[in-house]
Amino acid sequence: MKKKYFILSIFGLIGIALILYYSHNKRKSIYNYNTTLDYNYNFDNGNAQIYKLKVKHDSIQIPFIKNKNLTTFLKVNLKSTFLGKFYQPKINIYFNDKLISEHFEIGSNGVRYLNISDVLNSNTNKIKIITQNSVLIDDEVSLYVFKNSTLKDKNILVLAPHPDDAEIAAYGLYTTYQKNTYIVTVTAGDAGEFKYDEIYKDSLTHYLQKGKIRTWNSLTVPLLGNIKSENILNLGYFNEALAAMHANDTALVKTHFTKTYDINSFRKQNISKLLDSVKGTSRWISLVNDLTFLLDTIKPEIIVTPSPNLDSHLDHQFTTIALFDAIKKTGLNQGQLFLYTNHLPKSESYPYGNMGEPITLPPNFDTSFYFESIYSLPMPLSLQKEKIFALDAMNDIRLDTDYLDSKKAFVYALKILKRNTIGPQNDYFRRSVRSNELFFVIPINKISKIKF
């Protein structure tokens, strides 16, 4: 009998080990890179002040810096514990009776960056660091301090490849600096999932309606951030078509799903008078001409646009490439680019951690990635709550119409359960409703240094 129980125990332990191994591999599979590598950023081109600090008894003395409009990162070297191979390592930062929590990849080892901008912008000279599912393996840390650009009263152009990209990346920025801000969305969003099949069985009708409703979203949601309707425009180009347009800059390119060449089927929803001067067709040269007109008219001092290096979506990359072509055409050489990423190729789970936590630096291993500064825009809780409603007003971010079919609703619930057991959800509410918005800053006259 004892032998029988012993054998059962052995098989039980083997079973538990296999389950843990499977869980570990599944949870790590959400990262498309080796999580034991150091993040590798080249700060030599930037204007960061760098301080070498020591961790003593879990505490760090922070230098006093008079300027309080700062973006700051703490470079640490961490190692996951055994539990960190199954759950995200977390670092808790305590200061002035406040707590900031920041998460990293499951199984992460090496150099990572903590966003402690809130610390430097407060009146404190000391922080306490408590790790969870990880340990610091070096008591020497580096502090990188960037002085934020002044955005008040600046002309700001926010470029969104698709409806919802402006809100995901920069709702806080455009709401905070609404006075002279323009929101320009490049495409109608007429592609992607066959999301509303419970309503539209025909694919052609579905994608026409999807493009129509998403265009309407892009024109109305910025009103929640008090952007003037005259300053909101959707150019109506086709989703997933910008790369093909760029490949032959004079050729007409039709939409993938609705098989039309006429961008006016979506563009006609605009009410801004800016539409009177953009007479585009679905050609690359037309898109560049539209952006050239907008640059000449708006005269932006800050342009918020996707990073062509970090953002993996082709429409995002080619939105910024079209902008660069337009900048060269106009000869614009003043102002700054604020580069964001909504689709990190190394992991669609980034930013890691939970809603309300800081966005810190993304995984990067290429020292040729060029930037001169980093801007972390603080998002108070009231603004985070507003951003939730702005995202919820975007139809494509919300749950689809599966609820109309009880069987599909049940299957969808099982998918959510499975996804939660493997790792954190990738929805934009978790990923973008944070205590800050993050941008890499480059002077417009140095875009030639951006290699992609």
Protein backbone atom coordinates (compact mmCIF):
# COMPACT_ATOMS: atom_id res chain seq x y z
CA MET A 1 0.00 0.00 0.00
CA LYS A 2 2.83 2.39 0.91
CA LYS A 3 4.52 1.62 -2.39
CA LYS A 4 1.29 2.43 -4.23
CA TYR A 5 0.99 5.81 -2.51
CA PHE A 6 4.66 6.50 -3.17
CA ILE A 7 4.23 5.84 -6.90
CA LEU A 8 1.09 8.00 -7.00
CA SER A 9 2.98 10.78 -5.24
CA ILE A 10 5.80 10.57 -7.78
CA PHE A 11 3.35 10.76 -10.68
CA GLY A 12 1.56 13.63 -8.91
CA LEU A 13 4.80 15.58 -8.55
CA ILE A 14 5.67 14.92 -12.19
CA GLY A 15 2.21 16.16 -13.17
CA ILE A 16 2.63 19.34 -11.12
CA ALA A 17 6.08 19.89 -12.64
CA LEU A 18 4.67 19.49 -16.15
CA ILE A 19 1.86 21.93 -15.39
CA LEU A 20 4.35 24.47 -14.02
CA TYR A 21 6.59 24.01 -17.07
CA TYR A 22 3.64 24.47 -19.43
CA SER A 23 2.43 27.52 -17.51
CA HIS A 24 5.92 29.05 -17.53
CA ASN A 25 6.34 28.57 -21.29
CA LYS A 26 2.83 29.85 -22.06
CA ARG A 27 3.27 32.94 -19.96
CA LYS A 28 6.67 33.71 -21.54
CA SER A 29 5.32 33.14 -25.05
CA ILE A 30 3.67 36.58 -25.01
CA TYR A 31 7.16 38.11 -25.42
CA ASN A 32 8.83 37.94 -28.82
CA TYR A 33 12.31 38.40 -27.41
CA ASN A 34 14.72 37.02 -24.86
CA THR A 35 13.60 38.48 -21.53
CA THR A 36 17.01 37.81 -19.96
CA LEU A 37 18.67 40.50 -22.11
CA ASP A 38 19.53 43.98 -20.87
CA TYR A 39 17.46 46.86 -22.24
CA ASN A 40 20.02 48.86 -24.22
CA TYR A 41 19.41 52.57 -24.77
CA ASN A 42 21.96 55.03 -26.09
CA PHE A 43 21.61 58.23 -24.05
CA ASP A 44 24.69 59.84 -25.61
CA ASN A 45 22.62 61.81 -28.14
CA GLY A 46 20.29 63.19 -25.51
CA ASN A 47 20.25 66.00 -23.01
CA ALA A 48 19.81 63.86 -19.90
CA GLN A 49 21.52 64.68 -16.65
CA ILE A 50 22.96 61.44 -15.27
CA TYR A 51 23.52 60.68 -11.58
CA LYS A 52 25.18 57.59 -10.11
CA LEU A 53 23.38 56.49 -6.95
CA LYS A 54 23.57 53.69 -4.37
CA VAL A 55 20.91 51.42 -2.89
CA LYS A 56 21.41 51.13 0.88
CA HIS A 57 19.00 49.11 2.99
CA ASP A 58 16.42 49.26 0.17
CA SER A 59 16.63 53.07 0.09
CA ILE A 60 18.07 55.55 -2.41
CA GLN A 61 18.98 59.19 -1.74
CA ILE A 62 17.61 61.32 -4.59
CA PRO A 63 19.44 64.52 -5.58
CA PHE A 64 17.52 67.78 -5.24
CA ILE A 65 16.76 69.33 -8.63
CA LYS A 66 15.10 72.73 -8.64
CA ASN A 67 13.16 72.26 -11.87
CA LYS A 68 9.99 70.23 -11.23
CA ASN A 69 8.90 69.72 -14.85
CA LEU A 70 10.97 66.59 -15.32
CA THR A 71 10.96 63.12 -16.83
CA THR A 72 13.17 60.73 -14.87
CA PHE A 73 14.16 57.07 -15.11
CA LEU A 74 16.06 54.89 -12.68
CA LYS A 75 18.25 52.25 -14.31
CA VAL A 76 18.32 49.06 -12.23
CA ASN A 77 19.61 45.53 -12.66
CA LEU A 78 17.08 42.94 -11.58
CA LYS A 79 16.68 39.19 -11.57
CA SER A 80 13.48 37.17 -11.39
CA THR A 81 12.99 34.81 -8.48
CA PHE A 82 11.36 31.39 -8.92
CA LEU A 83 7.89 32.97 -8.65
CA GLY A 84 9.03 35.62 -11.16
CA LYS A 85 9.11 32.88 -13.79
CA PHE A 86 5.33 32.54 -13.48
CA TYR A 87 4.21 35.98 -12.35
CA GLN A 88 5.38 39.41 -13.41
CA PRO A 89 8.21 40.79 -11.28
CA LYS A 90 7.14 43.98 -9.53
CA ILE A 91 9.03 46.83 -7.90
CA ASN A 92 7.24 49.00 -5.35
CA ILE A 93 8.59 52.53 -4.90
CA TYR A 94 7.65 54.34 -1.68
CA PHE A 95 8.01 58.11 -1.17
CA ASN A 96 6.12 60.79 0.79
CA ASP A 97 3.52 58.25 1.95
CA LYS A 98 2.89 57.39 -1.71
CA LEU A 99 3.39 54.15 -3.63
CA ILE A 100 4.27 53.53 -7.27
CA SER A 101 4.26 49.94 -8.56
CA GLU A 102 5.96 48.95 -11.82
CA HIS A 103 5.89 45.51 -13.46
CA PHE A 104 8.28 43.82 -15.85
CA GLU A 105 8.26 40.71 -18.03
CA ILE A 106 7.78 37.27 -16.57
CA GLY A 107 11.26 35.75 -16.22
CA SER A 108 13.00 39.07 -16.79
CA ASN A 109 16.67 39.49 -15.90
CA GLY A 110 19.03 42.38 -16.54
CA VAL A 111 18.86 46.13 -16.98
CA ARG A 112 15.40 47.72 -16.74
CA TYR A 113 14.16 51.28 -16.21
CA LEU A 114 11.78 52.56 -13.54
CA ASN A 115 9.77 55.66 -14.38
CA ILE A 116 10.12 57.77 -11.23
CA SER A 117 9.09 61.12 -12.73
CA ASP A 118 6.49 61.58 -9.97
CA VAL A 119 9.25 61.26 -7.37
CA LEU A 120 11.48 63.97 -8.84
CA ASN A 121 8.50 66.27 -9.35
CA SER A 122 7.62 66.01 -5.64
CA ASN A 123 9.43 67.38 -2.62
CA THR A 124 11.34 64.31 -1.52
CA ASN A 125 14.98 63.30 -1.40
CA LYS A 126 14.58 59.62 -0.60
CA ILE A 127 12.77 56.59 -1.99
CA LYS A 128 12.41 53.06 -0.71
CA ILE A 129 12.39 50.14 -3.15
CA ILE A 130 10.77 46.79 -2.31
CA THR A 131 10.94 44.04 -4.94
CA GLN A 132 8.39 41.30 -5.51
CA ASN A 133 9.08 38.14 -7.57
CA SER A 134 12.52 39.65 -8.24
CA VAL A 135 15.67 40.94 -6.56
CA LEU A 136 18.08 43.76 -7.39
CA ILE A 137 21.46 42.24 -8.20
CA ASP A 138 23.42 45.49 -8.12
CA ASP A 139 23.39 48.24 -5.49
CA GLU A 140 24.61 50.80 -8.04
CA VAL A 141 21.85 52.49 -10.05
CA SER A 142 21.77 55.38 -12.53
CA LEU A 143 19.29 58.23 -12.60
CA TYR A 144 18.46 59.85 -15.97
CA VAL A 145 16.79 63.25 -15.77
CA PHE A 146 15.21 65.05 -18.75
CA LYS A 147 13.82 68.56 -18.61
CA ASN A 148 10.38 68.52 -20.24
CA SER A 149 9.59 70.73 -23.20
CA THR A 150 7.09 73.51 -22.61
CA LEU A 151 3.87 72.72 -24.50
CA LYS A 152 1.64 75.53 -23.27
CA ASP A 153 0.36 77.74 -26.13
CA LYS A 154 2.24 75.65 -28.72
CA ASN A 155 0.60 74.61 -32.00
CA ILE A 156 0.27 70.83 -31.70
CA LEU A 157 -0.56 68.36 -34.45
CA VAL A 158 -1.49 64.83 -33.37
CA LEU A 159 -1.25 62.33 -36.24
CA ALA A 160 -3.23 59.10 -35.83
CA PRO A 161 -2.89 56.29 -38.39
CA HIS A 162 -6.31 54.90 -37.39
CA PRO A 163 -9.32 56.05 -35.41
CA ASP A 164 -8.43 55.51 -31.70
CA ASP A 165 -4.63 55.85 -32.04
CA ALA A 166 -4.69 59.49 -30.94
CA GLU A 167 -6.67 58.53 -27.85
CA ILE A 168 -4.54 55.49 -26.97
CA ALA A 169 -1.26 57.40 -27.21
CA ALA A 170 -2.09 61.00 -26.46
CA TYR A 171 -5.57 61.65 -25.05
CA GLY A 172 -4.02 63.19 -21.95
CA LEU A 173 -1.66 65.36 -23.99
CA TYR A 174 -4.27 66.73 -26.38
CA THR A 175 -6.79 67.29 -23.59
CA THR A 176 -4.25 69.09 -21.41
CA TYR A 177 -3.04 71.30 -24.29
CA GLN A 178 -6.30 71.63 -26.20
CA LYS A 179 -6.14 75.31 -27.14
CA ASN A 180 -4.11 75.05 -30.35
CA THR A 181 -4.22 71.30 -30.95
CA TYR A 182 -5.29 69.53 -34.15
CA ILE A 183 -6.19 65.84 -34.42
CA VAL A 184 -5.69 64.38 -37.91
CA THR A 185 -6.50 60.72 -38.54
CA VAL A 186 -5.05 59.27 -41.74
CA THR A 187 -7.27 56.22 -42.39
CA ALA A 188 -10.92 55.32 -41.94
CA GLY A 189 -10.21 52.11 -40.01
CA ASP A 190 -12.09 50.03 -42.61
CA ALA A 191 -10.22 46.76 -42.03
CA GLY A 192 -9.28 44.34 -39.27
CA GLU A 193 -11.55 41.80 -37.62
CA PHE A 194 -14.94 40.80 -39.04
CA LYS A 195 -16.20 42.10 -35.74
CA TYR A 196 -19.90 42.78 -36.22
CA ASP A 197 -20.88 39.57 -38.01
CA GLU A 198 -23.95 39.20 -35.78
CA ILE A 199 -25.30 42.35 -37.45
CA TYR A 200 -23.77 42.30 -40.94
CA LYS A 201 -23.41 38.91 -42.62
CA ASP A 202 -22.09 40.39 -45.86
CA SER A 203 -18.38 41.27 -45.68
CA LEU A 204 -18.62 44.25 -48.04
CA THR A 205 -21.46 45.88 -46.08
CA HIS A 206 -19.73 45.09 -42.80
CA TYR A 207 -16.47 46.85 -43.69
CA LEU A 208 -18.20 49.84 -45.24
CA GLN A 209 -20.16 50.29 -42.03
CA LYS A 210 -17.10 49.64 -39.91
CA GLY A 211 -15.13 52.31 -41.77
CA LYS A 212 -18.06 54.71 -41.49
CA ILE A 213 -18.53 54.28 -37.73
CA ARG A 214 -14.80 54.43 -36.99
CA THR A 215 -14.42 57.58 -39.07
CA TRP A 216 -17.28 59.07 -37.07
CA ASN A 217 -15.51 57.98 -33.85
CA SER A 218 -12.34 59.79 -34.91
CA LEU A 219 -14.27 63.00 -35.59
CA THR A 220 -16.33 63.03 -32.39
CA VAL A 221 -14.27 61.52 -29.56
CA PRO A 222 -11.72 64.39 -29.54
CA LEU A 223 -14.65 66.66 -28.67
CA LEU A 224 -14.60 64.96 -25.25
CA GLY A 225 -11.13 66.47 -24.84
CA ASN A 226 -12.48 69.91 -25.82
CA ILE A 227 -10.78 69.93 -29.22
CA LYS A 228 -12.59 72.30 -31.55
CA SER A 229 -14.52 70.54 -34.33
CA GLU A 230 -12.71 72.75 -36.85
CA ASN A 231 -9.43 71.20 -35.67
CA ILE A 232 -10.47 67.58 -36.22
CA LEU A 233 -10.01 65.82 -39.57
CA ASN A 234 -10.06 62.29 -40.97
CA LEU A 235 -8.34 62.00 -44.36
CA GLY A 236 -10.24 58.81 -45.22
CA TYR A 237 -7.38 56.76 -46.65
CA PHE A 238 -7.76 53.01 -46.49
CA ASN A 239 -6.65 50.84 -43.61
CA GLU A 240 -3.70 48.53 -44.37
CA ALA A 241 -3.05 50.29 -47.69
CA LEU A 242 -0.32 52.83 -46.88
CA ALA A 243 2.60 50.46 -47.58
CA ALA A 244 1.16 49.61 -51.01
CA MET A 245 0.64 53.31 -51.72
CA HIS A 246 4.25 54.04 -50.80
CA ALA A 247 5.55 51.23 -53.04
CA ASN A 248 4.18 53.05 -56.11
CA ASP A 249 3.55 56.67 -55.18
CA THR A 250 1.41 57.55 -58.22
CA ALA A 251 -0.73 54.39 -58.39
CA LEU A 252 -4.30 54.24 -57.13
CA VAL A 253 -4.69 51.68 -54.33
CA LYS A 254 -8.04 50.20 -53.39
CA THR A 255 -9.20 49.17 -49.96
CA HIS A 256 -8.68 45.54 -48.93
CA PHE A 257 -12.25 44.72 -47.99
CA THR A 258 -14.62 47.15 -49.71
CA LYS A 259 -12.81 47.04 -53.07
CA THR A 260 -13.21 50.74 -53.77
CA TYR A 261 -10.72 53.40 -54.81
CA ASP A 262 -12.87 56.28 -53.57
CA ILE A 263 -11.60 57.64 -50.24
CA ASN A 264 -14.40 60.22 -50.28
CA SER A 265 -16.81 57.48 -49.21
CA PHE A 266 -15.31 57.99 -45.74
CA ARG A 267 -13.81 61.47 -46.05
CA LYS A 268 -17.18 63.11 -46.71
CA GLN A 269 -18.12 62.81 -43.01
CA ASN A 270 -15.74 65.66 -42.11
CA ILE A 271 -17.22 69.02 -41.16
CA SER A 272 -13.97 71.00 -40.74
CA LYS A 273 -13.28 73.62 -43.38
CA LEU A 274 -9.82 72.08 -43.67
CA LEU A 275 -11.52 69.49 -45.88
CA ASP A 276 -12.06 72.15 -48.56
CA SER A 277 -8.34 72.18 -49.31
CA VAL A 278 -7.55 68.46 -49.23
CA LYS A 279 -8.68 66.87 -52.49
CA GLY A 280 -6.97 63.54 -52.24
CA THR A 281 -7.22 60.22 -54.01
CA SER A 282 -5.85 56.89 -52.76
CA ARG A 283 -2.29 57.64 -53.90
CA TRP A 284 0.86 58.16 -51.83
CA ILE A 285 1.56 61.47 -53.51
CA SER A 286 -1.93 62.60 -52.53
CA LEU A 287 -1.35 61.72 -48.86
CA VAL A 288 1.95 63.62 -48.85
CA ASN A 289 0.24 66.63 -50.47
CA ASP A 290 -2.52 66.54 -47.84
CA LEU A 291 0.02 66.50 -45.02
CA THR A 292 2.04 69.24 -46.74
CA PHE A 293 -1.05 71.47 -46.82
CA LEU A 294 -1.78 70.76 -43.15
CA LEU A 295 1.80 71.56 -42.11
CA ASP A 296 1.68 74.85 -44.04
CA THR A 297 -1.72 75.72 -42.55
CA ILE A 298 -1.32 74.58 -38.93
CA LYS A 299 2.39 75.45 -38.61
CA PRO A 300 2.85 72.93 -35.80
CA GLU A 301 5.59 73.35 -33.23
CA ILE A 302 4.94 69.87 -31.79
CA ILE A 303 4.02 66.90 -34.00
CA VAL A 304 2.83 63.77 -32.21
CA THR A 305 3.25 60.75 -34.49
CA PRO A 306 4.12 57.01 -34.30
CA SER A 307 7.74 55.95 -33.96
CA PRO A 308 8.78 54.33 -37.26
CA ASN A 309 11.38 52.34 -35.28
CA LEU A 310 9.38 51.03 -32.34
CA ASP A 311 5.84 50.72 -33.71
CA SER A 312 5.43 47.54 -35.77
CA HIS A 313 2.14 48.32 -37.56
CA LEU A 314 2.83 49.23 -41.20
CA ASP A 315 0.14 51.92 -41.26
CA HIS A 316 1.81 53.50 -38.23
CA GLN A 317 5.25 53.40 -39.81
CA PHE A 318 4.09 54.79 -43.14
CA THR A 319 2.02 57.54 -41.53
CA THR A 320 5.26 58.92 -40.12
CA ILE A 321 7.18 58.27 -43.34
CA ALA A 322 4.54 60.28 -45.22
CA LEU A 323 4.95 63.02 -42.62
CA PHE A 324 8.71 63.04 -43.20
CA ASP A 325 8.13 63.40 -46.96
CA ALA A 326 5.79 66.32 -46.28
CA ILE A 327 8.28 67.94 -43.88
CA LYS A 328 10.97 67.79 -46.56
CA LYS A 329 8.55 69.24 -49.10
CA THR A 330 7.64 72.20 -46.89
CA GLY A 331 11.17 72.76 -45.64
CA LEU A 332 9.92 72.76 -42.04
CA ASN A 333 12.94 72.74 -39.72
CA GLN A 334 11.62 74.08 -36.42
CA GLY A 335 9.78 72.28 -33.64
CA GLN A 336 9.83 68.78 -32.21
CA LEU A 337 8.53 65.31 -32.95
CA PHE A 338 6.87 63.44 -30.08
CA LEU A 339 7.09 59.77 -31.09
CA TYR A 340 4.78 57.16 -29.59
CA THR A 341 4.24 53.44 -30.04
CA ASN A 342 0.92 51.60 -29.82
CA HIS A 343 2.14 48.29 -31.31
CA LEU A 344 5.47 47.15 -29.95
CA PRO A 345 6.81 44.34 -32.20
CA LYS A 346 8.55 42.62 -29.30
CA SER A 347 5.34 42.28 -27.28
CA GLU A 348 1.78 43.51 -27.71
CA SER A 349 1.52 43.24 -23.91
CA TYR A 350 3.65 46.36 -23.41
CA PRO A 351 3.24 48.47 -21.31
CA TYR A 352 3.45 45.76 -18.64
CA GLY A 353 1.57 45.80 -15.39
CA ASN A 354 -1.82 47.17 -14.49
CA MET A 355 -4.05 50.06 -15.36
CA GLY A 356 -2.95 53.17 -13.47
CA GLU A 357 0.73 52.22 -13.23
CA PRO A 358 3.44 54.27 -14.98
CA ILE A 359 4.51 53.58 -18.56
CA THR A 360 8.25 53.05 -18.50
CA LEU A 361 10.77 52.49 -21.29
CA PRO A 362 9.89 49.67 -23.70
CA PRO A 363 12.23 46.76 -24.40
CA ASN A 364 14.91 47.95 -26.80
CA PHE A 365 18.20 46.32 -27.79
CA ASP A 366 19.26 48.58 -30.66
CA THR A 367 21.64 51.36 -29.66
CA SER A 368 21.09 53.07 -33.03
CA PHE A 369 17.55 54.02 -31.93
CA TYR A 370 17.78 57.81 -31.98
CA PHE A 371 16.17 60.27 -29.60
CA GLU A 372 17.31 63.38 -27.79
CA SER A 373 14.84 63.53 -24.95
CA ILE A 374 11.95 61.64 -23.39
CA TYR A 375 8.69 63.24 -22.28
CA SER A 376 6.53 61.59 -19.64
CA LEU A 377 3.24 63.47 -19.41
CA PRO A 378 1.66 63.04 -15.95
CA MET A 379 -1.92 61.75 -15.96
CA PRO A 380 -3.78 62.51 -12.74
CA LEU A 381 -6.50 60.07 -11.74
CA SER A 382 -9.28 62.38 -12.98
CA LEU A 383 -7.72 62.45 -16.46
CA GLN A 384 -7.23 58.68 -16.45
CA LYS A 385 -10.95 58.30 -15.79
CA GLU A 386 -11.75 60.61 -18.71
CA LYS A 387 -9.48 58.54 -20.92
CA ILE A 388 -11.43 55.39 -20.04
CA PHE A 389 -14.60 56.98 -21.45
CA ALA A 390 -12.76 58.27 -24.53
CA LEU A 391 -11.52 54.76 -25.30
CA ASP A 392 -14.92 53.26 -24.53
CA ALA A 393 -16.45 55.64 -27.10
CA MET A 394 -14.28 54.02 -29.78
CA ASN A 395 -16.34 51.14 -31.18
CA ASP A 396 -13.39 49.03 -32.30
CA ILE A 397 -11.80 49.00 -28.84
CA ARG A 398 -14.98 47.88 -27.11
CA LEU A 399 -16.21 44.28 -27.01
CA ASP A 400 -17.84 43.25 -30.27
CA THR A 401 -21.44 42.13 -30.82
CA ASP A 402 -20.96 38.54 -29.60
CA TYR A 403 -23.41 39.31 -26.81
CA LEU A 404 -26.19 39.04 -29.41
CA ASP A 405 -25.44 35.32 -29.68
CA SER A 406 -25.47 33.47 -26.34
CA LYS A 407 -23.22 30.64 -27.60
CA LYS A 408 -20.59 33.07 -28.90
CA ALA A 409 -20.77 35.09 -25.69
CA PHE A 410 -19.98 31.93 -23.70
CA VAL A 411 -17.05 31.05 -25.99
CA TYR A 412 -15.73 34.60 -25.67
CA ALA A 413 -15.91 34.37 -21.87
CA LEU A 414 -13.81 31.18 -22.01
CA LYS A 415 -11.23 32.97 -24.18
CA ILE A 416 -10.97 35.76 -21.61
CA LEU A 417 -10.52 33.19 -18.82
CA LYS A 418 -7.77 31.41 -20.77
CA ARG A 419 -6.03 34.68 -21.56
CA ASN A 420 -6.04 35.70 -17.91
CA THR A 421 -4.45 32.40 -16.87
CA ILE A 422 -1.66 32.75 -19.45
CA GLY A 423 -0.87 36.39 -18.73
CA PRO A 424 -2.24 39.92 -18.66
CA GLN A 425 -4.87 41.01 -21.15
CA ASN A 426 -3.73 43.04 -24.12
CA ASP A 427 -6.71 45.38 -24.19
CA TYR A 428 -6.00 49.09 -24.54
CA PHE A 429 -7.71 49.98 -21.27
CA ARG A 430 -5.00 48.14 -19.31
CA ARG A 431 -2.21 49.24 -21.61
CA SER A 432 -2.95 52.91 -22.11
CA VAL A 433 -4.92 54.15 -19.11
CA ARG A 434 -1.83 54.87 -17.06
CA SER A 435 -0.41 57.50 -14.74
CA ASN A 436 1.51 58.98 -17.69
CA GLU A 437 1.82 59.06 -21.48
CA LEU A 438 5.28 58.52 -22.95
CA PHE A 439 6.96 60.10 -25.98
CA PHE A 440 10.47 60.04 -27.45
CA VAL A 441 11.43 63.59 -28.49
CA ILE A 442 13.46 64.52 -31.57
CA PRO A 443 14.00 67.97 -33.13
CA ILE A 444 12.31 68.18 -36.53
CA ASN A 445 15.55 69.36 -38.10
CA LYS A 446 17.20 66.08 -37.11
CA ILE A 447 14.78 63.57 -38.64
CA SER A 448 17.55 62.46 -41.00
CA LYS A 449 19.16 60.76 -37.97
CA ILE A 450 16.18 58.43 -37.60
CA LYS A 451 17.11 55.09 -39.19
CA PHE A 452 14.33 52.65 -40.04
